[in-house]
């Protein structure tokens, strides 16, 4: 039996989302539900180019081609890893090998937990925490943890020059068509999808939070002055969609939970696969 991950079912090209700012896009089929999940990362070209998260092993060839079609490896000065999940750190070794002039921006927790799988070049690292900022030549990036996350090392990134916020896993939602814009998605399906993404994909602890404290964290994020939200697992959020998505976030701690696919769904998948074979 081969265990190599399957490549994405579709190729998606990079999307320019702001001046010098590009979303590096991939997609995978969700298990047990008729949806696709985007797996995004970012590149900001600028004076000191930065790669924000490093994609997946399954999409390695296309991801590296997309990133280095936008910026030469020797020109990359920064590599920002939001946290240590495999869909954010999948090509870190390849990136650091190719980008010899880059500083790796992470926190202590990423280095500590992931060191059993990766020998971090600490002399090339910069450790950051929520609320800090760093200058990349022609802009300042502010480190800001999103309100929902699955790793204590999660850090989002706000570009003060463009208003783009890298929200990491927040606002995740499966979509029926991997190429669709959120404006084309049925509103109720989107709202339901964000609930599934939040509870089953990212933050199972949401029902345990204090709604008042949770809303203060959301208010802090809103206070950044965001003009566009780039999520690792959603198409771009702009305009009125930002307000709608934030309102949905506020509802999550008291929303009804939806159970993820269980054994009965797995049995159906196995049976369907057997029929195809």
Protein backbone atom coordinates (compact mmCIF):
# COMPACT_ATOMS: atom_id res chain seq x y z
CA UNK A 1 0.00 0.00 0.00
CA UNK A 2 1.30 3.45 -0.95
CA UNK A 3 0.83 6.28 1.53
CA UNK A 4 2.07 9.18 -0.58
CA UNK A 5 -0.53 11.98 -0.46
CA UNK A 6 -2.61 12.49 -3.57
CA UNK A 7 -2.01 15.75 -5.46
CA UNK A 8 -4.81 18.33 -5.51
CA UNK A 9 -7.69 17.54 -7.91
CA UNK A 10 -7.44 21.00 -9.47
CA UNK A 11 -4.64 23.47 -10.15
CA UNK A 12 -5.36 27.03 -9.03
CA UNK A 13 -3.09 29.89 -10.07
CA UNK A 14 -1.91 32.62 -7.68
CA UNK A 15 -4.38 35.46 -7.16
CA UNK A 16 -3.24 39.06 -6.71
CA UNK A 17 -5.22 40.39 -3.75
CA UNK A 18 -3.48 43.75 -3.15
CA UNK A 19 -0.44 45.62 -4.50
CA UNK A 20 2.55 43.22 -4.45
CA UNK A 21 0.41 40.71 -2.51
CA UNK A 22 -0.54 37.29 -3.84
CA UNK A 23 -2.61 34.39 -2.53
CA UNK A 24 -0.97 31.04 -3.36
CA UNK A 25 -3.93 28.71 -3.78
CA UNK A 26 -4.54 24.99 -3.58
CA UNK A 27 -7.57 22.84 -2.86
CA UNK A 28 -8.41 19.39 -1.55
CA UNK A 29 -11.61 17.36 -1.57
CA UNK A 30 -13.31 17.19 1.80
CA UNK A 31 -13.90 13.68 3.15
CA UNK A 32 -17.51 12.62 3.55
CA UNK A 33 -19.10 15.85 2.35
CA UNK A 34 -19.52 17.24 -1.19
CA UNK A 35 -17.23 20.20 -0.60
CA UNK A 36 -13.72 21.42 -1.34
CA UNK A 37 -11.33 22.97 1.16
CA UNK A 38 -8.92 25.64 0.03
CA UNK A 39 -5.34 25.48 1.33
CA UNK A 40 -3.84 28.91 0.85
CA UNK A 41 -0.64 30.73 1.68
CA UNK A 42 0.70 34.15 0.67
CA UNK A 43 3.58 36.03 -0.90
CA UNK A 44 4.27 39.74 -0.47
CA UNK A 45 6.86 40.88 -2.98
CA UNK A 46 7.79 44.40 -1.85
CA UNK A 47 11.26 45.62 -0.93
CA UNK A 48 12.01 42.61 1.29
CA UNK A 49 9.85 39.76 -0.04
CA UNK A 50 8.12 37.49 2.46
CA UNK A 51 6.54 34.05 2.11
CA UNK A 52 3.66 33.51 4.53
CA UNK A 53 3.18 29.80 5.29
CA UNK A 54 4.59 27.10 3.06
CA UNK A 55 1.74 24.99 1.70
CA UNK A 56 1.42 21.22 1.65
CA UNK A 57 3.61 18.31 0.71
CA UNK A 58 0.83 17.04 -1.61
CA UNK A 59 1.01 20.25 -3.67
CA UNK A 60 4.78 20.71 -3.42
CA UNK A 61 5.70 20.93 -7.11
CA UNK A 62 2.95 23.39 -8.04
CA UNK A 63 3.36 25.41 -4.85
CA UNK A 64 7.10 25.93 -5.30
CA UNK A 65 6.58 26.79 -8.96
CA UNK A 66 3.89 29.35 -8.10
CA UNK A 67 5.90 31.01 -5.33
CA UNK A 68 9.14 31.24 -7.27
CA UNK A 69 7.36 32.52 -10.37
CA UNK A 70 6.60 35.61 -8.27
CA UNK A 71 9.90 36.08 -6.45
CA UNK A 72 13.40 34.70 -6.92
CA UNK A 73 14.53 32.47 -4.03
CA UNK A 74 17.65 34.57 -3.39
CA UNK A 75 15.48 37.70 -3.04
CA UNK A 76 13.26 36.29 -0.29
CA UNK A 77 14.16 37.94 3.02
CA UNK A 78 11.46 36.58 5.32
CA UNK A 79 9.53 33.34 5.80
CA UNK A 80 6.61 33.59 8.24
CA UNK A 81 5.10 30.39 9.65
CA UNK A 82 1.74 30.98 11.34
CA UNK A 83 1.84 27.64 13.22
CA UNK A 84 3.08 24.09 12.86
CA UNK A 85 0.12 22.33 11.18
CA UNK A 86 1.13 20.26 8.16
CA UNK A 87 -0.84 22.39 5.71
CA UNK A 88 1.14 25.48 6.76
CA UNK A 89 4.61 24.01 7.15
CA UNK A 90 4.61 21.39 4.38
CA UNK A 91 7.41 22.88 2.28
CA UNK A 92 9.41 24.68 4.95
CA UNK A 93 12.58 22.65 4.39
CA UNK A 94 12.48 23.29 0.63
CA UNK A 95 11.87 27.01 1.15
CA UNK A 96 14.66 27.53 3.67
CA UNK A 97 17.06 25.54 1.50
CA UNK A 98 16.24 27.60 -1.59
CA UNK A 99 15.95 30.97 0.19
CA UNK A 100 19.37 31.19 1.83
CA UNK A 101 18.97 34.89 2.68
CA UNK A 102 15.64 34.50 4.49
CA UNK A 103 14.94 34.89 8.20
CA UNK A 104 12.36 32.45 9.59
CA UNK A 105 9.71 34.26 11.66
CA UNK A 106 8.04 31.91 14.15
CA UNK A 107 7.45 31.69 17.88
CA UNK A 108 9.13 29.54 20.50
CA UNK A 109 6.25 27.05 20.49
CA UNK A 110 6.64 26.17 16.82
CA UNK A 111 10.34 25.49 17.27
CA UNK A 112 9.74 23.49 20.44
CA UNK A 113 6.91 21.26 19.22
CA UNK A 114 8.06 20.74 15.64
CA UNK A 115 11.70 20.10 16.53
CA UNK A 116 10.97 16.36 16.63
CA UNK A 117 10.47 16.54 12.84
CA UNK A 118 12.64 19.48 11.78
CA UNK A 119 16.03 20.79 12.88
CA UNK A 120 15.37 24.53 13.09
CA UNK A 121 18.29 26.78 12.10
CA UNK A 122 17.98 28.95 15.20
CA UNK A 123 20.59 31.42 13.95
CA UNK A 124 18.19 32.20 11.09
CA UNK A 125 15.08 32.50 13.29
CA UNK A 126 13.25 35.46 14.75
CA UNK A 127 10.81 34.65 17.55
CA UNK A 128 7.68 36.79 17.67
CA UNK A 129 4.58 37.09 19.81
CA UNK A 130 1.07 38.51 19.53
CA UNK A 131 1.07 42.31 19.31
CA UNK A 132 4.61 42.71 17.99
CA UNK A 133 5.48 44.26 14.63
CA UNK A 134 8.40 43.89 12.25
CA UNK A 135 9.60 46.02 9.35
CA UNK A 136 10.18 44.43 5.94
CA UNK A 137 11.59 47.45 4.17
CA UNK A 138 8.60 49.15 2.58
CA UNK A 139 5.91 48.13 5.08
CA UNK A 140 5.34 47.12 8.67
CA UNK A 141 3.64 43.81 9.47
CA UNK A 142 1.78 43.45 12.77
CA UNK A 143 1.52 40.04 14.43
CA UNK A 144 -2.08 39.49 15.58
CA UNK A 145 -3.56 36.17 16.68
CA UNK A 146 -7.03 35.52 15.18
CA UNK A 147 -9.95 34.86 17.54
CA UNK A 148 -10.13 31.16 16.65
CA UNK A 149 -7.21 28.81 16.15
CA UNK A 150 -6.12 25.23 16.81
CA UNK A 151 -2.54 25.77 17.98
CA UNK A 152 -1.34 28.06 20.77
CA UNK A 153 1.45 29.08 18.40
CA UNK A 154 -1.00 30.51 15.86
CA UNK A 155 -0.25 34.07 14.76
CA UNK A 156 -2.00 36.06 12.06
CA UNK A 157 -0.33 38.89 10.18
CA UNK A 158 -1.69 42.34 9.32
CA UNK A 159 -0.12 44.42 6.56
CA UNK A 160 -0.45 48.03 7.72
CA UNK A 161 0.17 49.35 4.20
CA UNK A 162 -2.58 47.43 2.37
CA UNK A 163 -5.02 46.46 5.13
CA UNK A 164 -4.76 42.76 4.24
CA UNK A 165 -5.03 40.44 7.25
CA UNK A 166 -3.72 36.87 7.10
CA UNK A 167 -6.28 35.18 9.36
CA UNK A 168 -4.69 31.71 9.30
CA UNK A 169 -7.46 29.13 9.99
CA UNK A 170 -10.16 31.61 11.02
CA UNK A 171 -13.12 32.03 8.63
CA UNK A 172 -12.55 28.54 7.18
CA UNK A 173 -15.45 27.27 5.10
CA UNK A 174 -15.79 24.47 2.58
CA UNK A 175 -17.09 25.44 -0.86
CA UNK A 176 -18.96 23.34 -3.48
CA UNK A 177 -16.88 24.69 -6.38
CA UNK A 178 -13.13 25.11 -5.83
CA UNK A 179 -12.98 28.16 -8.10
CA UNK A 180 -15.98 30.07 -6.80
CA UNK A 181 -16.07 33.51 -5.21
CA UNK A 182 -17.83 33.79 -1.86
CA UNK A 183 -20.26 36.30 -3.37
CA UNK A 184 -21.55 33.40 -5.51
CA UNK A 185 -22.08 31.05 -2.58
CA UNK A 186 -25.51 30.70 -0.98
CA UNK A 187 -25.40 32.80 2.19
CA UNK A 188 -26.92 30.16 4.47
CA UNK A 189 -24.52 27.51 3.15
CA UNK A 190 -21.59 29.84 3.80
CA UNK A 191 -22.74 30.59 7.36
CA UNK A 192 -23.19 26.87 8.04
CA UNK A 193 -19.82 26.12 6.46
CA UNK A 194 -18.05 28.57 8.76
CA UNK A 195 -19.61 26.81 11.73
CA UNK A 196 -18.38 23.43 10.52
CA UNK A 197 -14.94 24.86 9.79
CA UNK A 198 -14.73 26.46 13.21
CA UNK A 199 -15.99 23.56 15.35
CA UNK A 200 -14.83 20.49 13.45
CA UNK A 201 -11.77 21.90 11.72
CA UNK A 202 -10.17 24.40 14.07
CA UNK A 203 -11.57 25.18 17.51
CA UNK A 204 -13.61 22.45 19.20
CA UNK A 205 -13.24 24.46 22.42
CA UNK A 206 -15.52 27.29 21.24
CA UNK A 207 -18.56 26.24 23.36
CA UNK A 208 -16.36 26.61 26.45
CA UNK A 209 -15.37 30.24 25.94
CA UNK A 210 -16.69 33.30 27.74
CA UNK A 211 -18.66 35.15 25.01
CA UNK A 212 -17.72 38.56 26.43
CA UNK A 213 -13.99 37.79 26.35
CA UNK A 214 -14.33 36.20 22.92
CA UNK A 215 -16.04 39.32 21.59
CA UNK A 216 -13.26 41.50 22.97
CA UNK A 217 -10.76 39.44 20.97
CA UNK A 218 -12.90 39.98 17.87
CA UNK A 219 -13.08 43.72 18.60
CA UNK A 220 -9.29 43.84 18.84
CA UNK A 221 -9.03 42.23 15.41
CA UNK A 222 -11.61 44.62 13.92
CA UNK A 223 -9.63 47.51 15.40
CA UNK A 224 -6.73 46.73 13.08
CA UNK A 225 -8.62 48.44 10.24
CA UNK A 226 -8.86 45.42 7.95
CA UNK A 227 -9.75 45.99 4.29
CA UNK A 228 -9.43 42.36 3.13
CA UNK A 229 -9.14 39.00 4.89
CA UNK A 230 -7.05 36.19 3.45
CA UNK A 231 -7.75 32.86 5.14
CA UNK A 232 -5.89 29.61 4.70
CA UNK A 233 -9.18 27.83 4.07
CA UNK A 234 -11.54 30.27 2.38
CA UNK A 235 -11.76 32.43 -0.70
CA UNK A 236 -11.00 36.11 -0.10
CA UNK A 237 -13.24 38.17 2.17
CA UNK A 238 -13.89 41.76 1.15
CA UNK A 239 -16.45 44.54 1.53
CA UNK A 240 -19.72 43.45 3.18
CA UNK A 241 -18.50 39.87 3.46
CA UNK A 242 -16.06 40.97 6.17
CA UNK A 243 -18.87 42.34 8.35
CA UNK A 244 -20.98 39.22 7.78
CA UNK A 245 -18.08 36.91 8.61
CA UNK A 246 -17.27 38.81 11.80
CA UNK A 247 -20.91 38.65 12.87
CA UNK A 248 -20.80 34.89 12.31
CA UNK A 249 -17.68 34.66 14.49
CA UNK A 250 -19.53 36.37 17.32
CA UNK A 251 -22.30 33.75 17.14
CA UNK A 252 -20.04 30.71 17.27
CA UNK A 253 -19.72 30.15 21.07
CA UNK A 254 -23.50 29.85 21.42
CA UNK A 255 -24.33 28.21 18.08
CA UNK A 256 -25.64 24.66 17.86
CA UNK A 257 -22.88 22.16 17.28
CA UNK A 258 -22.91 19.98 14.18
CA UNK A 259 -21.27 16.58 14.53
CA UNK A 260 -18.52 15.77 12.03
CA UNK A 261 -18.84 12.75 9.71
CA UNK A 262 -18.63 9.52 11.73
CA UNK A 263 -18.24 5.79 11.14
CA UNK A 264 -21.41 5.49 9.05
CA UNK A 265 -20.02 8.02 6.58
CA UNK A 266 -16.69 6.18 6.49
CA UNK A 267 -18.55 2.94 5.70
CA UNK A 268 -20.31 4.69 2.80
CA UNK A 269 -16.99 6.03 1.46
CA UNK A 270 -15.38 2.58 1.60
CA UNK A 271 -18.38 0.96 -0.09
CA UNK A 272 -18.47 3.58 -2.84
CA UNK A 273 -14.74 3.17 -3.45
CA UNK A 274 -15.13 -0.60 -3.68
CA UNK A 275 -17.88 -0.22 -6.28
CA UNK A 276 -15.64 2.00 -8.40
CA UNK A 277 -12.89 -0.61 -8.28
